[in-house]
All heavy atoms as atom14 arrays in JSON, in Angstrom:
{
  "sequence": "PYVLVNFTGTLRDVSTLAHELGHGLHFVLSQQQTMINYHAPLPLAETA",
  "atom14_mask": [
    [1, 1, 1, 1, 1, 1, 1, 0, 0, 0, 0, 0, 0, 0],
    [1, 1, 1, 1, 1, 1, 1, 1, 1, 1, 1, 1, 0, 0],
    [1, 1, 1, 1, 1, 1, 1, 0, 0, 0, 0, 0, 0, 0],
    [1, 1, 1, 1, 1, 1, 1, 1, 0, 0, 0, 0, 0, 0],
    [1, 1, 1, 1, 1, 1, 1, 0, 0, 0, 0, 0, 0, 0],
    [1, 1, 1, 1, 1, 1, 1, 1, 0, 0, 0, 0, 0, 0],
    [1, 1, 1, 1, 1, 1, 1, 1, 1, 1, 1, 0, 0, 0],
    [1, 1, 1, 1, 1, 1, 1, 0, 0, 0, 0, 0, 0, 0],
    [1, 1, 1, 1, 0, 0, 0, 0, 0, 0, 0, 0, 0, 0],
    [1, 1, 1, 1, 1, 1, 1, 0, 0, 0, 0, 0, 0, 0],
    [1, 1, 1, 1, 1, 1, 1, 1, 0, 0, 0, 0, 0, 0],
    [1, 1, 1, 1, 1, 1, 1, 1, 1, 1, 1, 0, 0, 0],
    [1, 1, 1, 1, 1, 1, 1, 1, 0, 0, 0, 0, 0, 0],
    [1, 1, 1, 1, 1, 1, 1, 0, 0, 0, 0, 0, 0, 0],
    [1, 1, 1, 1, 1, 1, 0, 0, 0, 0, 0, 0, 0, 0],
    [1, 1, 1, 1, 1, 1, 1, 0, 0, 0, 0, 0, 0, 0],
    [1, 1, 1, 1, 1, 1, 1, 1, 0, 0, 0, 0, 0, 0],
    [1, 1, 1, 1, 1, 0, 0, 0, 0, 0, 0, 0, 0, 0],
    [1, 1, 1, 1, 1, 1, 1, 1, 1, 1, 0, 0, 0, 0],
    [1, 1, 1, 1, 1, 1, 1, 1, 1, 0, 0, 0, 0, 0],
    [1, 1, 1, 1, 1, 1, 1, 1, 0, 0, 0, 0, 0, 0],
    [1, 1, 1, 1, 0, 0, 0, 0, 0, 0, 0, 0, 0, 0],
    [1, 1, 1, 1, 1, 1, 1, 1, 1, 1, 0, 0, 0, 0],
    [1, 1, 1, 1, 0, 0, 0, 0, 0, 0, 0, 0, 0, 0],
    [1, 1, 1, 1, 1, 1, 1, 1, 0, 0, 0, 0, 0, 0],
    [1, 1, 1, 1, 1, 1, 1, 1, 1, 1, 0, 0, 0, 0],
    [1, 1, 1, 1, 1, 1, 1, 1, 1, 1, 1, 0, 0, 0],
    [1, 1, 1, 1, 1, 1, 1, 0, 0, 0, 0, 0, 0, 0],
    [1, 1, 1, 1, 1, 1, 1, 1, 0, 0, 0, 0, 0, 0],
    [1, 1, 1, 1, 1, 1, 0, 0, 0, 0, 0, 0, 0, 0],
    [1, 1, 1, 1, 1, 1, 1, 1, 1, 0, 0, 0, 0, 0],
    [1, 1, 1, 1, 1, 1, 1, 1, 1, 0, 0, 0, 0, 0],
    [1, 1, 1, 1, 1, 1, 1, 1, 1, 0, 0, 0, 0, 0],
    [1, 1, 1, 1, 1, 1, 1, 0, 0, 0, 0, 0, 0, 0],
    [1, 1, 1, 1, 1, 1, 1, 1, 0, 0, 0, 0, 0, 0],
    [1, 1, 1, 1, 1, 1, 1, 1, 0, 0, 0, 0, 0, 0],
    [1, 1, 1, 1, 1, 1, 1, 1, 0, 0, 0, 0, 0, 0],
    [1, 1, 1, 1, 1, 1, 1, 1, 1, 1, 1, 1, 0, 0],
    [1, 1, 1, 1, 1, 1, 1, 1, 1, 1, 0, 0, 0, 0],
    [1, 1, 1, 1, 1, 0, 0, 0, 0, 0, 0, 0, 0, 0],
    [1, 1, 1, 1, 1, 1, 1, 0, 0, 0, 0, 0, 0, 0],
    [1, 1, 1, 1, 1, 1, 1, 1, 0, 0, 0, 0, 0, 0],
    [1, 1, 1, 1, 1, 1, 1, 0, 0, 0, 0, 0, 0, 0],
    [1, 1, 1, 1, 1, 1, 1, 1, 0, 0, 0, 0, 0, 0],
    [1, 1, 1, 1, 1, 0, 0, 0, 0, 0, 0, 0, 0, 0],
    [1, 1, 1, 1, 1, 1, 1, 1, 1, 0, 0, 0, 0, 0],
    [1, 1, 1, 1, 1, 1, 1, 0, 0, 0, 0, 0, 0, 0],
    [1, 1, 1, 1, 1, 0, 0, 0, 0, 0, 0, 0, 0, 0]
  ],
  "atom14_positions": [
    [[0.83, -1.21, 0.0], [0.0, 0.0, 0.0], [0.86, 1.26, 0.0], [2.02, 1.25, 0.44], [-0.81, -0.12, 1.3], [-0.02, -1.03, 2.16], [0.77, -1.93, 1.28], [0.0, 0.0, 0.0], [0.0, 0.0, 0.0], [0.0, 0.0, 0.0], [0.0, 0.0, 0.0], [0.0, 0.0, 0.0], [0.0, 0.0, 0.0], [0.0, 0.0, 0.0]],
    [[0.28, 2.36, -0.47], [0.93, 3.66, -0.53], [0.08, 4.69, 0.23], [-1.15, 4.57, 0.27], [1.09, 4.13, -1.97], [2.28, 3.53, -2.7], [2.28, 2.2, -3.11], [3.42, 4.3, -2.98], [3.37, 1.66, -3.78], [4.5, 3.76, -3.64], [4.48, 2.43, -4.05], [5.56, 1.9, -4.71], [0.0, 0.0, 0.0], [0.0, 0.0, 0.0]],
    [[0.76, 5.7, 0.79], [0.09, 6.74, 1.57], [0.39, 8.11, 0.96], [1.52, 8.39, 0.56], [0.56, 6.72, 3.04], [0.23, 8.02, 3.76], [-0.06, 5.54, 3.78], [0.0, 0.0, 0.0], [0.0, 0.0, 0.0], [0.0, 0.0, 0.0], [0.0, 0.0, 0.0], [0.0, 0.0, 0.0], [0.0, 0.0, 0.0], [0.0, 0.0, 0.0]],
    [[-0.64, 8.96, 0.89], [-0.48, 10.36, 0.5], [-0.97, 11.24, 1.65], [-2.06, 11.02, 2.18], [-1.26, 10.67, -0.77], [-1.23, 12.12, -1.29], [-1.22, 12.13, -2.83], [-2.42, 12.93, -0.78], [0.0, 0.0, 0.0], [0.0, 0.0, 0.0], [0.0, 0.0, 0.0], [0.0, 0.0, 0.0], [0.0, 0.0, 0.0], [0.0, 0.0, 0.0]],
    [[-0.14, 12.2, 2.06], [-0.54, 13.22, 3.02], [-0.11, 14.58, 2.46], [0.62, 14.66, 1.48], [0.09, 13.0, 4.41], [-0.43, 11.73, 5.05], [1.62, 12.97, 4.34], [0.0, 0.0, 0.0], [0.0, 0.0, 0.0], [0.0, 0.0, 0.0], [0.0, 0.0, 0.0], [0.0, 0.0, 0.0], [0.0, 0.0, 0.0], [0.0, 0.0, 0.0]],
    [[-0.59, 15.64, 3.09], [-0.13, 17.0, 2.77], [0.36, 17.6, 4.09], [-0.37, 18.31, 4.78], [-1.25, 17.83, 2.16], [-1.46, 17.53, 0.69], [-0.83, 18.12, -0.17], [-2.35, 16.58, 0.4], [0.0, 0.0, 0.0], [0.0, 0.0, 0.0], [0.0, 0.0, 0.0], [0.0, 0.0, 0.0], [0.0, 0.0, 0.0], [0.0, 0.0, 0.0]],
    [[1.6, 17.29, 4.43], [2.12, 17.57, 5.77], [2.63, 19.01, 5.86], [3.53, 19.41, 5.12], [3.25, 16.6, 6.1], [3.75, 16.71, 7.52], [3.08, 16.08, 8.54], [4.87, 17.48, 7.81], [3.53, 16.18, 9.86], [5.33, 17.59, 9.12], [4.65, 16.93, 10.15], [0.0, 0.0, 0.0], [0.0, 0.0, 0.0], [0.0, 0.0, 0.0]],
    [[2.03, 19.79, 6.79], [2.45, 21.17, 7.0], [2.98, 21.4, 8.41], [3.33, 22.52, 8.75], [1.29, 22.14, 6.73], [0.22, 21.87, 7.65], [0.78, 22.01, 5.3], [0.0, 0.0, 0.0], [0.0, 0.0, 0.0], [0.0, 0.0, 0.0], [0.0, 0.0, 0.0], [0.0, 0.0, 0.0], [0.0, 0.0, 0.0], [0.0, 0.0, 0.0]],
    [[2.99, 20.36, 9.26], [3.61, 20.48, 10.57], [2.69, 20.71, 11.73], [3.14, 20.84, 12.87], [0.0, 0.0, 0.0], [0.0, 0.0, 0.0], [0.0, 0.0, 0.0], [0.0, 0.0, 0.0], [0.0, 0.0, 0.0], [0.0, 0.0, 0.0], [0.0, 0.0, 0.0], [0.0, 0.0, 0.0], [0.0, 0.0, 0.0], [0.0, 0.0, 0.0]],
    [[1.37, 20.76, 11.51], [0.45, 20.95, 12.62], [0.25, 19.65, 13.38], [0.54, 18.56, 12.87], [-0.91, 21.46, 12.13], [-1.55, 20.42, 11.36], [-0.76, 22.7, 11.26], [0.0, 0.0, 0.0], [0.0, 0.0, 0.0], [0.0, 0.0, 0.0], [0.0, 0.0, 0.0], [0.0, 0.0, 0.0], [0.0, 0.0, 0.0], [0.0, 0.0, 0.0]],
    [[-0.29, 19.77, 14.6], [-0.64, 18.57, 15.36], [-1.66, 17.75, 14.59], [-1.62, 16.51, 14.61], [-1.19, 18.97, 16.73], [-1.66, 17.81, 17.63], [-0.51, 16.87, 17.96], [-2.29, 18.35, 18.91], [0.0, 0.0, 0.0], [0.0, 0.0, 0.0], [0.0, 0.0, 0.0], [0.0, 0.0, 0.0], [0.0, 0.0, 0.0], [0.0, 0.0, 0.0]],
    [[-2.57, 18.42, 13.92], [-3.57, 17.71, 13.12], [-2.89, 16.9, 12.01], [-3.31, 15.78, 11.69], [-4.56, 18.69, 12.51], [-5.65, 18.05, 11.67], [-6.51, 17.11, 12.48], [-7.39, 16.3, 11.64], [-8.0, 15.2, 12.05], [-7.82, 14.77, 13.29], [-8.77, 14.51, 11.24], [0.0, 0.0, 0.0], [0.0, 0.0, 0.0], [0.0, 0.0, 0.0]],
    [[-1.81, 17.42, 11.44], [-1.09, 16.68, 10.4], [-0.42, 15.44, 10.98], [-0.33, 14.4, 10.31], [-0.03, 17.56, 9.74], [-0.63, 18.62, 8.84], [-1.8, 18.46, 8.43], [0.05, 19.62, 8.54], [0.0, 0.0, 0.0], [0.0, 0.0, 0.0], [0.0, 0.0, 0.0], [0.0, 0.0, 0.0], [0.0, 0.0, 0.0], [0.0, 0.0, 0.0]],
    [[0.08, 15.54, 12.21], [0.65, 14.36, 12.86], [-0.42, 13.29, 13.04], [-0.21, 12.1, 12.78], [1.28, 14.73, 14.23], [1.92, 13.49, 14.87], [2.31, 15.83, 14.07], [0.0, 0.0, 0.0], [0.0, 0.0, 0.0], [0.0, 0.0, 0.0], [0.0, 0.0, 0.0], [0.0, 0.0, 0.0], [0.0, 0.0, 0.0], [0.0, 0.0, 0.0]],
    [[-1.6, 13.73, 13.47], [-2.72, 12.81, 13.64], [-3.14, 12.2, 12.31], [-3.46, 11.01, 12.23], [-3.89, 13.54, 14.3], [-4.95, 12.66, 14.58], [0.0, 0.0, 0.0], [0.0, 0.0, 0.0], [0.0, 0.0, 0.0], [0.0, 0.0, 0.0], [0.0, 0.0, 0.0], [0.0, 0.0, 0.0], [0.0, 0.0, 0.0], [0.0, 0.0, 0.0]],
    [[-3.14, 13.01, 11.26], [-3.49, 12.5, 9.92], [-2.5, 11.45, 9.47], [-2.87, 10.44, 8.85], [-3.55, 13.66, 8.91], [-4.59, 14.57, 9.3], [-3.84, 13.14, 7.5], [0.0, 0.0, 0.0], [0.0, 0.0, 0.0], [0.0, 0.0, 0.0], [0.0, 0.0, 0.0], [0.0, 0.0, 0.0], [0.0, 0.0, 0.0], [0.0, 0.0, 0.0]],
    [[-1.22, 11.66, 9.76], [-0.21, 10.66, 9.42], [-0.5, 9.35, 10.13], [-0.43, 8.26, 9.52], [1.18, 11.18, 9.79], [2.36, 10.27, 9.46], [2.5, 10.08, 7.95], [3.65, 10.84, 10.04], [0.0, 0.0, 0.0], [0.0, 0.0, 0.0], [0.0, 0.0, 0.0], [0.0, 0.0, 0.0], [0.0, 0.0, 0.0], [0.0, 0.0, 0.0]],
    [[-0.83, 9.43, 11.42], [-1.19, 8.21, 12.16], [-2.43, 7.56, 11.55], [-2.49, 6.33, 11.42], [-1.45, 8.55, 13.63], [0.0, 0.0, 0.0], [0.0, 0.0, 0.0], [0.0, 0.0, 0.0], [0.0, 0.0, 0.0], [0.0, 0.0, 0.0], [0.0, 0.0, 0.0], [0.0, 0.0, 0.0], [0.0, 0.0, 0.0], [0.0, 0.0, 0.0]],
    [[-3.4, 8.37, 11.19], [-4.65, 7.88, 10.59], [-4.36, 7.07, 9.32], [-4.82, 5.93, 9.18], [-5.54, 9.08, 10.28], [-6.85, 8.75, 9.65], [-8.04, 8.79, 10.33], [-7.18, 8.37, 8.38], [-9.04, 8.45, 9.52], [-8.53, 8.2, 8.32], [0.0, 0.0, 0.0], [0.0, 0.0, 0.0], [0.0, 0.0, 0.0], [0.0, 0.0, 0.0]],
    [[-3.6, 7.66, 8.41], [-3.34, 6.99, 7.13], [-2.46, 5.75, 7.31], [-2.64, 4.75, 6.6], [-2.73, 7.96, 6.13], [-3.6, 9.15, 5.78], [-5.0, 8.77, 5.3], [-5.19, 7.66, 4.75], [-5.93, 9.57, 5.5], [0.0, 0.0, 0.0], [0.0, 0.0, 0.0], [0.0, 0.0, 0.0], [0.0, 0.0, 0.0], [0.0, 0.0, 0.0]],
    [[-1.54, 5.79, 8.25], [-0.72, 4.61, 8.5], [-1.51, 3.53, 9.22], [-1.18, 2.34, 9.12], [0.54, 5.0, 9.28], [1.56, 5.77, 8.44], [2.65, 6.37, 9.3], [2.16, 4.88, 7.35], [0.0, 0.0, 0.0], [0.0, 0.0, 0.0], [0.0, 0.0, 0.0], [0.0, 0.0, 0.0], [0.0, 0.0, 0.0], [0.0, 0.0, 0.0]],
    [[-2.57, 3.92, 9.93], [-3.51, 2.92, 10.45], [-4.16, 2.17, 9.3], [-4.29, 0.94, 9.32], [0.0, 0.0, 0.0], [0.0, 0.0, 0.0], [0.0, 0.0, 0.0], [0.0, 0.0, 0.0], [0.0, 0.0, 0.0], [0.0, 0.0, 0.0], [0.0, 0.0, 0.0], [0.0, 0.0, 0.0], [0.0, 0.0, 0.0], [0.0, 0.0, 0.0]],
    [[-4.58, 2.93, 8.28], [-5.07, 2.27, 7.06], [-4.01, 1.33, 6.49], [-4.29, 0.21, 6.06], [-5.42, 3.31, 5.99], [-6.73, 3.99, 6.15], [-7.92, 3.3, 6.21], [-7.06, 5.3, 6.21], [-8.92, 4.16, 6.32], [-8.42, 5.38, 6.33], [0.0, 0.0, 0.0], [0.0, 0.0, 0.0], [0.0, 0.0, 0.0], [0.0, 0.0, 0.0]],
    [[-2.77, 1.83, 6.46], [-1.68, 1.02, 5.91], [-1.51, -0.28, 6.66], [-1.33, -1.35, 6.04], [0.0, 0.0, 0.0], [0.0, 0.0, 0.0], [0.0, 0.0, 0.0], [0.0, 0.0, 0.0], [0.0, 0.0, 0.0], [0.0, 0.0, 0.0], [0.0, 0.0, 0.0], [0.0, 0.0, 0.0], [0.0, 0.0, 0.0], [0.0, 0.0, 0.0]],
    [[-1.55, -0.23, 7.98], [-1.48, -1.44, 8.79], [-2.62, -2.39, 8.45], [-2.42, -3.61, 8.3], [-1.51, -1.08, 10.28], [-1.56, -2.26, 11.25], [-0.23, -3.01, 11.24], [-1.88, -1.78, 12.67], [0.0, 0.0, 0.0], [0.0, 0.0, 0.0], [0.0, 0.0, 0.0], [0.0, 0.0, 0.0], [0.0, 0.0, 0.0], [0.0, 0.0, 0.0]],
    [[-3.81, -1.84, 8.31], [-5.0, -2.64, 7.97], [-4.79, -3.36, 6.65], [-5.03, -4.57, 6.53], [-6.21, -1.7, 7.9], [-7.53, -2.4, 7.99], [-8.71, -1.74, 8.22], [-7.87, -3.7, 7.85], [-9.71, -2.6, 8.25], [-9.23, -3.79, 8.01], [0.0, 0.0, 0.0], [0.0, 0.0, 0.0], [0.0, 0.0, 0.0], [0.0, 0.0, 0.0]],
    [[-4.3, -2.63, 5.64], [-4.08, -3.24, 4.33], [-3.01, -4.34, 4.38], [-3.14, -5.37, 3.72], [-3.69, -2.18, 3.3], [-4.84, -1.36, 2.79], [-4.82, 0.02, 2.87], [-5.95, -1.97, 2.23], [-5.88, 0.78, 2.39], [-7.01, -1.22, 1.75], [-6.98, 0.16, 1.83], [0.0, 0.0, 0.0], [0.0, 0.0, 0.0], [0.0, 0.0, 0.0]],
    [[-1.96, -4.12, 5.17], [-0.9, -5.12, 5.26], [-1.4, -6.38, 5.97], [-1.17, -7.51, 5.51], [0.33, -4.55, 5.98], [1.35, -5.65, 6.28], [0.99, -3.46, 5.12], [0.0, 0.0, 0.0], [0.0, 0.0, 0.0], [0.0, 0.0, 0.0], [0.0, 0.0, 0.0], [0.0, 0.0, 0.0], [0.0, 0.0, 0.0], [0.0, 0.0, 0.0]],
    [[-2.09, -6.21, 7.09], [-2.57, -7.38, 7.83], [-3.61, -8.16, 7.05], [-3.69, -9.39, 7.16], [-3.14, -6.94, 9.18], [-2.14, -6.38, 10.19], [-2.84, -5.96, 11.47], [-1.03, -7.38, 10.49], [0.0, 0.0, 0.0], [0.0, 0.0, 0.0], [0.0, 0.0, 0.0], [0.0, 0.0, 0.0], [0.0, 0.0, 0.0], [0.0, 0.0, 0.0]],
    [[-4.42, -7.49, 6.23], [-5.45, -8.2, 5.46], [-4.88, -8.85, 4.21], [-5.63, -9.5, 3.46], [-6.59, -7.25, 5.09], [-6.15, -6.22, 4.24], [0.0, 0.0, 0.0], [0.0, 0.0, 0.0], [0.0, 0.0, 0.0], [0.0, 0.0, 0.0], [0.0, 0.0, 0.0], [0.0, 0.0, 0.0], [0.0, 0.0, 0.0], [0.0, 0.0, 0.0]],
    [[-3.56, -8.73, 3.98], [-2.97, -9.37, 2.8], [-2.92, -10.88, 2.91], [-2.58, -11.56, 1.95], [-1.57, -8.79, 2.54], [-1.64, -7.4, 1.94], [-0.28, -6.83, 1.59], [0.7, -7.06, 2.29], [-0.21, -6.06, 0.52], [0.0, 0.0, 0.0], [0.0, 0.0, 0.0], [0.0, 0.0, 0.0], [0.0, 0.0, 0.0], [0.0, 0.0, 0.0]],
    [[-3.29, -11.42, 4.07], [-3.43, -12.87, 4.17], [-4.7, -13.36, 3.49], [-4.88, -14.56, 3.29], [-3.42, -13.29, 5.63], [-4.58, -12.77, 6.46], [-4.43, -13.14, 7.93], [-5.0, -14.11, 8.39], [-3.62, -12.36, 8.65], [0.0, 0.0, 0.0], [0.0, 0.0, 0.0], [0.0, 0.0, 0.0], [0.0, 0.0, 0.0], [0.0, 0.0, 0.0]],
    [[-5.6, -12.42, 3.15], [-6.81, -12.77, 2.44], [-6.55, -12.85, 0.93], [-5.58, -12.28, 0.43], [-7.91, -11.72, 2.69], [-8.28, -11.54, 4.15], [-8.98, -12.74, 4.73], [-9.59, -13.54, 4.01], [-8.92, -12.88, 6.05], [0.0, 0.0, 0.0], [0.0, 0.0, 0.0], [0.0, 0.0, 0.0], [0.0, 0.0, 0.0], [0.0, 0.0, 0.0]],
    [[-7.43, -13.55, 0.24], [-7.35, -13.53, -1.22], [-8.02, -12.26, -1.74], [-8.65, -11.51, -0.99], [-8.03, -14.77, -1.82], [-9.4, -14.82, -1.37], [-7.32, -16.04, -1.39], [0.0, 0.0, 0.0], [0.0, 0.0, 0.0], [0.0, 0.0, 0.0], [0.0, 0.0, 0.0], [0.0, 0.0, 0.0], [0.0, 0.0, 0.0], [0.0, 0.0, 0.0]],
    [[-7.91, -12.01, -3.03], [-8.3, -10.71, -3.59], [-9.75, -10.35, -3.3], [-10.07, -9.21, -2.97], [-8.05, -10.72, -5.11], [-8.31, -9.39, -5.79], [-7.13, -8.12, -5.28], [-7.8, -6.67, -6.1], [0.0, 0.0, 0.0], [0.0, 0.0, 0.0], [0.0, 0.0, 0.0], [0.0, 0.0, 0.0], [0.0, 0.0, 0.0], [0.0, 0.0, 0.0]],
    [[-10.65, -11.29, -3.42], [-12.07, -10.99, -3.22], [-12.33, -10.51, -1.8], [-13.19, -9.66, -1.57], [-12.92, -12.24, -3.56], [-13.17, -12.3, -5.07], [-14.25, -12.24, -2.8], [-13.93, -13.53, -5.52], [0.0, 0.0, 0.0], [0.0, 0.0, 0.0], [0.0, 0.0, 0.0], [0.0, 0.0, 0.0], [0.0, 0.0, 0.0], [0.0, 0.0, 0.0]],
    [[-11.58, -11.01, -0.84], [-11.79, -10.67, 0.57], [-10.77, -9.66, 1.1], [-10.7, -9.45, 2.31], [-11.72, -11.94, 1.42], [-12.85, -12.9, 1.14], [-13.94, -12.48, 0.79], [-12.58, -14.18, 1.27], [0.0, 0.0, 0.0], [0.0, 0.0, 0.0], [0.0, 0.0, 0.0], [0.0, 0.0, 0.0], [0.0, 0.0, 0.0], [0.0, 0.0, 0.0]],
    [[-10.01, -9.05, 0.22], [-8.91, -8.19, 0.66], [-9.4, -6.89, 1.31], [-8.96, -6.5, 2.38], [-7.99, -7.88, -0.52], [-6.85, -6.94, -0.2], [-6.03, -7.13, 0.91], [-6.59, -5.84, -1.02], [-4.98, -6.28, 1.19], [-5.54, -4.98, -0.74], [-4.75, -5.2, 0.36], [-3.71, -4.34, 0.64], [0.0, 0.0, 0.0], [0.0, 0.0, 0.0]],
    [[-10.32, -6.2, 0.66], [-10.76, -4.89, 1.13], [-11.86, -5.02, 2.18], [-12.86, -5.71, 1.96], [-11.25, -4.04, -0.04], [-10.14, -3.61, -0.95], [-9.34, -2.52, -0.68], [-9.68, -4.14, -2.11], [-8.44, -2.39, -1.64], [-8.62, -3.36, -2.52], [0.0, 0.0, 0.0], [0.0, 0.0, 0.0], [0.0, 0.0, 0.0], [0.0, 0.0, 0.0]],
    [[-11.68, -4.33, 3.31], [-12.69, -4.33, 4.37], [-13.96, -3.65, 3.88], [-13.9, -2.75, 3.04], [-12.15, -3.61, 5.59], [0.0, 0.0, 0.0], [0.0, 0.0, 0.0], [0.0, 0.0, 0.0], [0.0, 0.0, 0.0], [0.0, 0.0, 0.0], [0.0, 0.0, 0.0], [0.0, 0.0, 0.0], [0.0, 0.0, 0.0], [0.0, 0.0, 0.0]],
    [[-15.11, -4.06, 4.38], [-16.35, -3.36, 4.03], [-16.29, -1.92, 4.53], [-15.6, -1.62, 5.53], [-17.44, -4.16, 4.76], [-16.73, -4.88, 5.86], [-15.34, -5.15, 5.35], [0.0, 0.0, 0.0], [0.0, 0.0, 0.0], [0.0, 0.0, 0.0], [0.0, 0.0, 0.0], [0.0, 0.0, 0.0], [0.0, 0.0, 0.0], [0.0, 0.0, 0.0]],
    [[-17.0, -1.01, 3.86], [-16.9, 0.4, 4.18], [-17.09, 0.72, 5.66], [-16.35, 1.56, 6.21], [-17.9, 1.21, 3.34], [-17.49, 1.56, 1.91], [-18.55, 2.43, 1.26], [-16.14, 2.26, 1.88], [0.0, 0.0, 0.0], [0.0, 0.0, 0.0], [0.0, 0.0, 0.0], [0.0, 0.0, 0.0], [0.0, 0.0, 0.0], [0.0, 0.0, 0.0]],
    [[-18.05, 0.12, 6.36], [-18.22, 0.49, 7.77], [-16.99, 0.2, 8.63], [-16.8, 0.83, 9.67], [-19.4, -0.38, 8.22], [-20.15, -0.68, 6.98], [-19.11, -0.81, 5.91], [0.0, 0.0, 0.0], [0.0, 0.0, 0.0], [0.0, 0.0, 0.0], [0.0, 0.0, 0.0], [0.0, 0.0, 0.0], [0.0, 0.0, 0.0], [0.0, 0.0, 0.0]],
    [[-16.15, -0.75, 8.19], [-14.94, -1.07, 8.95], [-13.68, -0.47, 8.34], [-12.59, -0.61, 8.9], [-14.77, -2.59, 9.07], [-15.9, -3.34, 9.78], [-15.56, -4.83, 9.89], [-16.17, -2.76, 11.15], [0.0, 0.0, 0.0], [0.0, 0.0, 0.0], [0.0, 0.0, 0.0], [0.0, 0.0, 0.0], [0.0, 0.0, 0.0], [0.0, 0.0, 0.0]],
    [[-13.83, 0.21, 7.2], [-12.65, 0.71, 6.49], [-11.9, 1.77, 7.28], [-10.69, 1.95, 7.08], [-13.07, 1.26, 5.13], [0.0, 0.0, 0.0], [0.0, 0.0, 0.0], [0.0, 0.0, 0.0], [0.0, 0.0, 0.0], [0.0, 0.0, 0.0], [0.0, 0.0, 0.0], [0.0, 0.0, 0.0], [0.0, 0.0, 0.0], [0.0, 0.0, 0.0]],
    [[-12.58, 2.47, 8.16], [-11.93, 3.53, 8.93], [-11.55, 3.08, 10.35], [-11.08, 3.9, 11.15], [-12.85, 4.76, 9.0], [-13.12, 5.42, 7.66], [-11.87, 6.01, 7.02], [-10.93, 6.38, 7.76], [-11.83, 6.1, 5.78], [0.0, 0.0, 0.0], [0.0, 0.0, 0.0], [0.0, 0.0, 0.0], [0.0, 0.0, 0.0], [0.0, 0.0, 0.0]],
    [[-11.76, 1.82, 10.67], [-11.53, 1.36, 12.05], [-10.07, 1.5, 12.47], [-9.75, 2.1, 13.5], [-11.98, -0.11, 12.19], [-13.33, -0.23, 11.79], [-11.84, -0.56, 13.63], [0.0, 0.0, 0.0], [0.0, 0.0, 0.0], [0.0, 0.0, 0.0], [0.0, 0.0, 0.0], [0.0, 0.0, 0.0], [0.0, 0.0, 0.0], [0.0, 0.0, 0.0]],
    [[-9.16, 0.93, 11.69], [-7.74, 0.96, 12.07], [-7.19, 2.38, 12.05], [-6.33, 2.73, 12.87], [-6.94, 0.08, 11.12], [0.0, 0.0, 0.0], [0.0, 0.0, 0.0], [0.0, 0.0, 0.0], [0.0, 0.0, 0.0], [0.0, 0.0, 0.0], [0.0, 0.0, 0.0], [0.0, 0.0, 0.0], [0.0, 0.0, 0.0], [0.0, 0.0, 0.0]]
  ]
}
């Protein structure tokens, strides 16, 4: 997976970096699934 942020140095930007890397962790851990089951359903997509 790849991450895009627009980092300007605010505390909110630090939090956004954590947020997107949470997604990244989610995508890496779900790589044990096959393609059909790879992507989490939308209600859980923001959990990590």
